Structures are given as structure tokens and as C-alpha cells.
Amino acid sequence: MKLQEIREKTLDELKQAVLDNKKKLMELRMQHAMHKLESTAEIANTKRLIAQIKTVITEKETEVKNA
């Protein structure tokens, strides 16, 4: 998901996306622990995506407070 796509979503969609990606991250960590994960870079990419989404959520909430 690109940053522009993230910014177009609503707060509720973003919060749901964070939950979904946290579940995905947990599954990736479990696969890594069982030596079944082919690309460990997926873990870093998922963590980065979660951080980007949380940043956009904070930006949107700040806009609402300041408006």
C-alpha cells in the first residue's frame, strides 16, 4: 500500500488496517520462529507499514483538533 492510498482512507479504515497488519505481523513472526518464513524482509515491511498508517492517523486526528 502506498502512502497516497493510506492518506485517502478514513480514520476507521486506517484503524482497521493497523489491526489487520498487526495480525499479519504476528503470523509472520510465528512463521519465522518455525523456520517457514521465506522472506524475513516481510516482517520489516509490515512494521514499516504499521508505522506509516499510525503516522497518518495522528496527522488526521491533529487536523480535526486544530480545525
N, C-alpha and C. Protein backbone atom coordinates (compact mmCIF):
# COMPACT_ATOMS: atom_id res chain seq x y z
N MET A 1 0.86 -1.17 0.00
CA MET A 1 0.00 0.00 0.00
C MET A 1 0.91 1.24 0.00
N LYS A 2 0.61 2.15 -0.90
CA LYS A 2 1.40 3.36 -0.99
C LYS A 2 0.87 4.42 -0.04
N LEU A 3 1.72 5.38 0.27
CA LEU A 3 1.36 6.41 1.23
C LEU A 3 0.15 7.21 0.76
N GLN A 4 0.07 7.46 -0.53
CA GLN A 4 -1.08 8.20 -1.06
C GLN A 4 -2.38 7.42 -0.83
N GLU A 5 -2.34 6.11 -1.01
CA GLU A 5 -3.52 5.28 -0.76
C GLU A 5 -3.91 5.32 0.71
N ILE A 6 -2.90 5.34 1.58
CA ILE A 6 -3.16 5.38 3.02
C ILE A 6 -3.84 6.69 3.39
N ARG A 7 -3.37 7.80 2.83
CA ARG A 7 -3.92 9.11 3.15
C ARG A 7 -5.37 9.28 2.67
N GLU A 8 -5.79 8.52 1.67
CA GLU A 8 -7.15 8.64 1.13
C GLU A 8 -8.18 7.91 1.99
N LYS A 9 -7.74 7.05 2.89
CA LYS A 9 -8.66 6.26 3.70
C LYS A 9 -9.18 7.07 4.89
N THR A 10 -10.31 6.63 5.43
CA THR A 10 -10.88 7.29 6.60
C THR A 10 -10.19 6.78 7.86
N LEU A 11 -10.44 7.45 8.98
CA LEU A 11 -9.84 7.05 10.25
C LEU A 11 -10.23 5.62 10.64
N ASP A 12 -11.49 5.28 10.44
CA ASP A 12 -11.94 3.92 10.80
C ASP A 12 -11.24 2.87 9.94
N GLU A 13 -11.10 3.15 8.66
CA GLU A 13 -10.41 2.22 7.77
C GLU A 13 -8.94 2.08 8.16
N LEU A 14 -8.33 3.19 8.56
CA LEU A 14 -6.92 3.16 8.97
C LEU A 14 -6.74 2.36 10.25
N LYS A 15 -7.63 2.56 11.20
CA LYS A 15 -7.53 1.81 12.46
C LYS A 15 -7.72 0.32 12.23
N GLN A 16 -8.62 -0.02 11.32
CA GLN A 16 -8.80 -1.43 10.97
C GLN A 16 -7.57 -1.98 10.26
N ALA A 17 -6.95 -1.17 9.41
CA ALA A 17 -5.73 -1.58 8.71
C ALA A 17 -4.60 -1.85 9.69
N VAL A 18 -4.50 -1.05 10.75
CA VAL A 18 -3.47 -1.28 11.76
C VAL A 18 -3.71 -2.63 12.43
N LEU A 19 -4.95 -2.91 12.79
CA LEU A 19 -5.26 -4.20 13.43
C LEU A 19 -4.93 -5.36 12.50
N ASP A 20 -5.33 -5.24 11.24
CA ASP A 20 -5.07 -6.31 10.27
C ASP A 20 -3.57 -6.54 10.09
N ASN A 21 -2.81 -5.47 10.01
CA ASN A 21 -1.37 -5.61 9.82
C ASN A 21 -0.67 -6.13 11.06
N LYS A 22 -1.20 -5.82 12.25
CA LYS A 22 -0.63 -6.38 13.47
C LYS A 22 -0.85 -7.89 13.52
N LYS A 23 -2.03 -8.33 13.06
CA LYS A 23 -2.29 -9.77 12.99
C LYS A 23 -1.34 -10.43 12.00
N LYS A 24 -1.15 -9.77 10.85
CA LYS A 24 -0.24 -10.29 9.83
C LYS A 24 1.18 -10.38 10.39
N LEU A 25 1.60 -9.36 11.14
CA LEU A 25 2.93 -9.35 11.73
C LEU A 25 3.10 -10.50 12.72
N MET A 26 2.08 -10.76 13.51
CA MET A 26 2.14 -11.86 14.45
C MET A 26 2.30 -13.20 13.72
N GLU A 27 1.54 -13.36 12.63
CA GLU A 27 1.64 -14.59 11.85
C GLU A 27 3.02 -14.73 11.22
N LEU A 28 3.58 -13.62 10.74
CA LEU A 28 4.91 -13.66 10.15
C LEU A 28 5.95 -14.03 11.19
N ARG A 29 5.81 -13.51 12.40
CA ARG A 29 6.75 -13.85 13.47
C ARG A 29 6.66 -15.32 13.85
N MET A 30 5.44 -15.85 13.84
CA MET A 30 5.27 -17.27 14.14
C MET A 30 5.92 -18.12 13.05
N GLN A 31 5.72 -17.75 11.80
CA GLN A 31 6.34 -18.49 10.69
C GLN A 31 7.87 -18.42 10.79
N HIS A 32 8.37 -17.26 11.17
CA HIS A 32 9.81 -17.09 11.31
C HIS A 32 10.35 -17.99 12.43
N ALA A 33 9.62 -18.08 13.51
CA ALA A 33 10.04 -18.91 14.64
C ALA A 33 10.05 -20.39 14.26
N MET A 34 9.14 -20.78 13.36
CA MET A 34 9.07 -22.18 12.94
C MET A 34 9.91 -22.45 11.68
N HIS A 35 10.70 -21.45 11.27
CA HIS A 35 11.58 -21.56 10.11
C HIS A 35 10.82 -21.84 8.82
N LYS A 36 9.63 -21.28 8.69
CA LYS A 36 8.83 -21.46 7.48
C LYS A 36 8.68 -20.17 6.69
N LEU A 37 9.26 -19.08 7.18
CA LEU A 37 9.15 -17.80 6.50
C LEU A 37 10.26 -17.70 5.46
N GLU A 38 9.87 -17.47 4.20
CA GLU A 38 10.85 -17.41 3.13
C GLU A 38 11.54 -16.06 3.07
N SER A 39 10.80 -14.98 3.30
CA SER A 39 11.37 -13.65 3.19
C SER A 39 11.21 -12.92 4.51
N THR A 40 12.31 -12.80 5.24
CA THR A 40 12.25 -12.10 6.52
C THR A 40 12.06 -10.60 6.33
N ALA A 41 12.26 -10.11 5.13
CA ALA A 41 12.05 -8.69 4.85
C ALA A 41 10.58 -8.32 4.99
N GLU A 42 9.69 -9.30 4.87
CA GLU A 42 8.26 -9.04 5.04
C GLU A 42 7.95 -8.51 6.43
N ILE A 43 8.69 -8.98 7.43
CA ILE A 43 8.48 -8.53 8.80
C ILE A 43 8.78 -7.03 8.88
N ALA A 44 9.91 -6.62 8.34
CA ALA A 44 10.29 -5.21 8.38
C ALA A 44 9.31 -4.35 7.57
N ASN A 45 8.89 -4.85 6.42
CA ASN A 45 7.94 -4.10 5.59
C ASN A 45 6.60 -3.92 6.30
N THR A 46 6.15 -4.94 6.99
CA THR A 46 4.88 -4.86 7.71
C THR A 46 5.00 -3.87 8.87
N LYS A 47 6.12 -3.91 9.59
CA LYS A 47 6.32 -2.97 10.69
C LYS A 47 6.36 -1.53 10.16
N ARG A 48 7.00 -1.34 9.03
CA ARG A 48 7.08 -0.01 8.42
C ARG A 48 5.70 0.48 8.01
N LEU A 49 4.90 -0.41 7.44
CA LEU A 49 3.54 -0.06 7.02
C LEU A 49 2.68 0.33 8.21
N ILE A 50 2.79 -0.40 9.30
CA ILE A 50 2.04 -0.08 10.52
C ILE A 50 2.44 1.32 11.01
N ALA A 51 3.73 1.61 10.99
CA ALA A 51 4.20 2.93 11.44
C ALA A 51 3.67 4.04 10.54
N GLN A 52 3.65 3.80 9.23
CA GLN A 52 3.13 4.81 8.30
C GLN A 52 1.65 5.06 8.55
N ILE A 53 0.91 3.99 8.75
CA ILE A 53 -0.53 4.14 8.99
C ILE A 53 -0.78 4.90 10.29
N LYS A 54 -0.03 4.56 11.34
CA LYS A 54 -0.20 5.26 12.61
C LYS A 54 0.16 6.73 12.49
N THR A 55 1.16 7.05 11.67
CA THR A 55 1.53 8.45 11.46
C THR A 55 0.40 9.21 10.79
N VAL A 56 -0.23 8.59 9.78
CA VAL A 56 -1.33 9.24 9.07
C VAL A 56 -2.52 9.42 10.01
N ILE A 57 -2.77 8.43 10.88
CA ILE A 57 -3.86 8.55 11.85
C ILE A 57 -3.61 9.75 12.76
N THR A 58 -2.39 9.89 13.25
CA THR A 58 -2.04 11.02 14.11
C THR A 58 -2.22 12.35 13.38
N GLU A 59 -1.79 12.40 12.11
CA GLU A 59 -1.96 13.61 11.32
C GLU A 59 -3.43 13.98 11.17
N LYS A 60 -4.26 12.98 10.87
CA LYS A 60 -5.69 13.25 10.68
C LYS A 60 -6.35 13.70 11.98
N GLU A 61 -5.97 13.06 13.10
CA GLU A 61 -6.55 13.45 14.38
C GLU A 61 -6.12 14.86 14.77
N THR A 62 -4.90 15.23 14.44
CA THR A 62 -4.41 16.58 14.73
C THR A 62 -5.15 17.60 13.88
N GLU A 63 -5.43 17.26 12.63
CA GLU A 63 -6.20 18.16 11.75
C GLU A 63 -7.58 18.41 12.33
N VAL A 64 -8.21 17.37 12.84
CA VAL A 64 -9.56 17.50 13.41
C VAL A 64 -9.54 18.39 14.64
N LYS A 65 -8.52 18.23 15.49
CA LYS A 65 -8.43 19.04 16.70
C LYS A 65 -8.17 20.51 16.38
N ASN A 66 -7.36 20.76 15.37
CA ASN A 66 -7.00 22.13 15.02
C ASN A 66 -8.05 22.83 14.16
N ALA A 67 -8.96 22.06 13.58
CA ALA A 67 -9.97 22.67 12.70
C ALA A 67 -11.13 23.22 13.47
